[in-house]
Amino acid sequence: MNSYFQWYHIDDNLCMEYAEMRLGGQPITSWVDLASRLRNKYVP
């Protein structure tokens, strides 16, 4: 994510707000859960 922030010249305060917004929620803890979420998102 740091390279993204550096590319767009985003200051540190906005970096924290963006990361909190995008990384909110429960983490994916298993490969089965990851595969299921990716399938639901990308397979029609």
PDB file of N, CA and C in Angstrom:
ATOM      1  N   MET A   1       0.817  -1.187   0.000  1.00  0.00           N
ATOM      2  CA  MET A   1       0.000   0.000   0.000  1.00  0.00           C
ATOM      3  C   MET A   1       0.864   1.255   0.000  1.00  0.00           C
ATOM      4  N   ASN A   2       2.049   1.159   0.561  1.00  0.00           N
ATOM      5  CA  ASN A   2       2.912   2.345   0.602  1.00  0.00           C
ATOM      6  C   ASN A   2       3.245   2.852  -0.788  1.00  0.00           C
ATOM      7  N   SER A   3       3.500   1.941  -1.724  1.00  0.00           N
ATOM      8  CA  SER A   3       3.821   2.393  -3.077  1.00  0.00           C
ATOM      9  C   SER A   3       2.622   3.088  -3.714  1.00  0.00           C
ATOM     10  N   TYR A   4       1.409   2.636  -3.407  1.00  0.00           N
ATOM     11  CA  TYR A   4       0.191   3.293  -3.898  1.00  0.00           C
ATOM     12  C   TYR A   4       0.114   4.715  -3.364  1.00  0.00           C
ATOM     13  N   PHE A   5       0.354   4.877  -2.065  1.00  0.00           N
ATOM     14  CA  PHE A   5       0.287   6.204  -1.452  1.00  0.00           C
ATOM     15  C   PHE A   5       1.388   7.120  -1.988  1.00  0.00           C
ATOM     16  N   GLN A   6       2.571   6.573  -2.206  1.00  0.00           N
ATOM     17  CA  GLN A   6       3.662   7.379  -2.745  1.00  0.00           C
ATOM     18  C   GLN A   6       3.385   7.780  -4.185  1.00  0.00           C
ATOM     19  N   TRP A   7       2.817   6.873  -4.974  1.00  0.00           N
ATOM     20  CA  TRP A   7       2.519   7.163  -6.377  1.00  0.00           C
ATOM     21  C   TRP A   7       1.551   8.331  -6.509  1.00  0.00           C
ATOM     22  N   TYR A   8       0.516   8.359  -5.645  1.00  0.00           N
ATOM     23  CA  TYR A   8      -0.495   9.407  -5.716  1.00  0.00           C
ATOM     24  C   TYR A   8      -0.215  10.584  -4.784  1.00  0.00           C
ATOM     25  N   HIS A   9       0.924  10.580  -4.117  1.00  0.00           N
ATOM     26  CA  HIS A   9       1.340  11.673  -3.230  1.00  0.00           C
ATOM     27  C   HIS A   9       0.261  11.982  -2.182  1.00  0.00           C
ATOM     28  N   ILE A  10      -0.157  10.939  -1.459  1.00  0.00           N
ATOM     29  CA  ILE A  10      -1.173  11.085  -0.419  1.00  0.00           C
ATOM     30  C   ILE A  10      -0.459  11.282   0.913  1.00  0.00           C
ATOM     31  N   ASP A  11      -0.898  12.271   1.707  1.00  0.00           N
ATOM     32  CA  ASP A  11      -0.234  12.527   2.985  1.00  0.00           C
ATOM     33  C   ASP A  11      -0.615  11.458   4.013  1.00  0.00           C
ATOM     34  N   ASP A  12       0.142  11.414   5.119  1.00  0.00           N
ATOM     35  CA  ASP A  12       0.013  10.348   6.105  1.00  0.00           C
ATOM     36  C   ASP A  12      -1.363  10.285   6.752  1.00  0.00           C
ATOM     37  N   ASN A  13      -1.985  11.425   7.016  1.00  0.00           N
ATOM     38  CA  ASN A  13      -3.302  11.409   7.647  1.00  0.00           C
ATOM     39  C   ASN A  13      -4.337  10.732   6.754  1.00  0.00           C
ATOM     40  N   LEU A  14      -4.306  11.046   5.472  1.00  0.00           N
ATOM     41  CA  LEU A  14      -5.244  10.414   4.552  1.00  0.00           C
ATOM     42  C   LEU A  14      -4.922   8.938   4.349  1.00  0.00           C
ATOM     43  N   CYS A  15      -3.647   8.576   4.442  1.00  0.00           N
ATOM     44  CA  CYS A  15      -3.268   7.167   4.328  1.00  0.00           C
ATOM     45  C   CYS A  15      -3.929   6.349   5.423  1.00  0.00           C
ATOM     46  N   MET A  16      -3.904   6.850   6.635  1.00  0.00           N
ATOM     47  CA  MET A  16      -4.510   6.135   7.757  1.00  0.00           C
ATOM     48  C   MET A  16      -6.014   5.999   7.577  1.00  0.00           C
ATOM     49  N   GLU A  17      -6.677   7.071   7.170  1.00  0.00           N
ATOM     50  CA  GLU A  17      -8.122   7.020   6.971  1.00  0.00           C
ATOM     51  C   GLU A  17      -8.481   6.034   5.865  1.00  0.00           C
ATOM     52  N   TYR A  18      -7.720   6.042   4.784  1.00  0.00           N
ATOM     53  CA  TYR A  18      -7.986   5.140   3.668  1.00  0.00           C
ATOM     54  C   TYR A  18      -7.777   3.685   4.092  1.00  0.00           C
ATOM     55  N   ALA A  19      -6.686   3.423   4.797  1.00  0.00           N
ATOM     56  CA  ALA A  19      -6.400   2.062   5.239  1.00  0.00           C
ATOM     57  C   ALA A  19      -7.472   1.563   6.199  1.00  0.00           C
ATOM     58  N   GLU A  20      -7.921   2.405   7.113  1.00  0.00           N
ATOM     59  CA  GLU A  20      -8.982   2.005   8.035  1.00  0.00           C
ATOM     60  C   GLU A  20     -10.266   1.695   7.283  1.00  0.00           C
ATOM     61  N   MET A  21     -10.569   2.484   6.272  1.00  0.00           N
ATOM     62  CA  MET A  21     -11.785   2.276   5.502  1.00  0.00           C
ATOM     63  C   MET A  21     -11.708   0.962   4.710  1.00  0.00           C
ATOM     64  N   ARG A  22     -10.581   0.716   4.056  1.00  0.00           N
ATOM     65  CA  ARG A  22     -10.451  -0.458   3.194  1.00  0.00           C
ATOM     66  C   ARG A  22     -10.207  -1.746   3.968  1.00  0.00           C
ATOM     67  N   LEU A  23      -9.543  -1.665   5.101  1.00  0.00           N
ATOM     68  CA  LEU A  23      -9.170  -2.868   5.831  1.00  0.00           C
ATOM     69  C   LEU A  23     -10.100  -3.168   6.992  1.00  0.00           C
ATOM     70  N   GLY A  24     -11.245  -2.519   7.049  1.00  0.00           N
ATOM     71  CA  GLY A  24     -12.189  -2.762   8.132  1.00  0.00           C
ATOM     72  C   GLY A  24     -12.851  -4.119   7.996  1.00  0.00           C
ATOM     73  N   GLY A  25     -13.325  -4.656   9.088  1.00  0.00           N
ATOM     74  CA  GLY A  25     -14.011  -5.943   9.060  1.00  0.00           C
ATOM     75  C   GLY A  25     -13.112  -7.075   9.512  1.00  0.00           C
ATOM     76  N   GLN A  26     -13.682  -8.256   9.477  1.00  0.00           N
ATOM     77  CA  GLN A  26     -12.956  -9.439   9.923  1.00  0.00           C
ATOM     78  C   GLN A  26     -11.983  -9.909   8.840  1.00  0.00           C
ATOM     79  N   PRO A  27     -10.803 -10.380   9.240  1.00  0.00           N
ATOM     80  CA  PRO A  27      -9.846 -10.881   8.259  1.00  0.00           C
ATOM     81  C   PRO A  27     -10.259 -12.256   7.730  1.00  0.00           C
ATOM     82  N   ILE A  28      -9.785 -12.597   6.560  1.00  0.00           N
ATOM     83  CA  ILE A  28     -10.009 -13.924   5.995  1.00  0.00           C
ATOM     84  C   ILE A  28      -9.001 -14.858   6.648  1.00  0.00           C
ATOM     85  N   THR A  29      -9.489 -15.957   7.225  1.00  0.00           N
ATOM     86  CA  THR A  29      -8.609 -16.826   8.007  1.00  0.00           C
ATOM     87  C   THR A  29      -8.338 -18.180   7.367  1.00  0.00           C
ATOM     88  N   SER A  30      -9.033 -18.530   6.284  1.00  0.00           N
ATOM     89  CA  SER A  30      -8.784 -19.833   5.665  1.00  0.00           C
ATOM     90  C   SER A  30      -8.805 -19.714   4.149  1.00  0.00           C
ATOM     91  N   TRP A  31      -8.159 -20.671   3.497  1.00  0.00           N
ATOM     92  CA  TRP A  31      -8.136 -20.689   2.035  1.00  0.00           C
ATOM     93  C   TRP A  31      -9.529 -20.929   1.470  1.00  0.00           C
ATOM     94  N   VAL A  32     -10.333 -21.716   2.169  1.00  0.00           N
ATOM     95  CA  VAL A  32     -11.696 -21.994   1.708  1.00  0.00           C
ATOM     96  C   VAL A  32     -12.512 -20.708   1.699  1.00  0.00           C
ATOM     97  N   ASP A  33     -12.392 -19.920   2.751  1.00  0.00           N
ATOM     98  CA  ASP A  33     -13.109 -18.646   2.832  1.00  0.00           C
ATOM     99  C   ASP A  33     -12.622 -17.685   1.747  1.00  0.00           C
ATOM    100  N   LEU A  34     -11.319 -17.633   1.523  1.00  0.00           N
ATOM    101  CA  LEU A  34     -10.756 -16.777   0.477  1.00  0.00           C
ATOM    102  C   LEU A  34     -11.283 -17.191  -0.894  1.00  0.00           C
ATOM    103  N   ALA A  35     -11.246 -18.478  -1.194  1.00  0.00           N
ATOM    104  CA  ALA A  35     -11.728 -18.962  -2.489  1.00  0.00           C
ATOM    105  C   ALA A  35     -13.202 -18.641  -2.673  1.00  0.00           C
ATOM    106  N   SER A  36     -13.979 -18.801  -1.622  1.00  0.00           N
ATOM    107  CA  SER A  36     -15.408 -18.511  -1.692  1.00  0.00           C
ATOM    108  C   SER A  36     -15.662 -17.035  -1.969  1.00  0.00           C
ATOM    109  N   ARG A  37     -14.964 -16.158  -1.272  1.00  0.00           N
ATOM    110  CA  ARG A  37     -15.154 -14.718  -1.480  1.00  0.00           C
ATOM    111  C   ARG A  37     -14.722 -14.284  -2.872  1.00  0.00           C
ATOM    112  N   LEU A  38     -13.597 -14.818  -3.352  1.00  0.00           N
ATOM    113  CA  LEU A  38     -13.142 -14.472  -4.692  1.00  0.00           C
ATOM    114  C   LEU A  38     -14.102 -14.996  -5.755  1.00  0.00           C
ATOM    115  N   ARG A  39     -14.616 -16.218  -5.545  1.00  0.00           N
ATOM    116  CA  ARG A  39     -15.571 -16.781  -6.487  1.00  0.00           C
ATOM    117  C   ARG A  39     -16.828 -15.921  -6.547  1.00  0.00           C
ATOM    118  N   ASN A  40     -17.335 -15.513  -5.386  1.00  0.00           N
ATOM    119  CA  ASN A  40     -18.538 -14.682  -5.345  1.00  0.00           C
ATOM    120  C   ASN A  40     -18.308 -13.322  -5.994  1.00  0.00           C
ATOM    121  N   LYS A  41     -17.093 -12.807  -5.887  1.00  0.00           N
ATOM    122  CA  LYS A  41     -16.811 -11.476  -6.420  1.00  0.00           C
ATOM    123  C   LYS A  41     -16.559 -11.488  -7.928  1.00  0.00           C
ATOM    124  N   TYR A  42     -15.860 -12.515  -8.442  1.00  0.00           N
ATOM    125  CA  TYR A  42     -15.391 -12.470  -9.821  1.00  0.00           C
ATOM    126  C   TYR A  42     -16.070 -13.441 -10.783  1.00  0.00           C
ATOM    127  N   VAL A  43     -16.699 -14.491 -10.295  1.00  0.00           N
ATOM    128  CA  VAL A  43     -17.332 -15.455 -11.190  1.00  0.00           C
ATOM    129  C   VAL A  43     -18.811 -15.111 -11.316  1.00  0.00           C
ATOM    130  N   PRO A  44     -19.286 -14.923 -12.549  1.00  0.00           N
ATOM    131  CA  PRO A  44     -20.703 -14.541 -12.726  1.00  0.00           C
ATOM    132  C   PRO A  44     -21.672 -15.652 -12.370  1.00  0.00           C
TER     133      PRO A  44
END
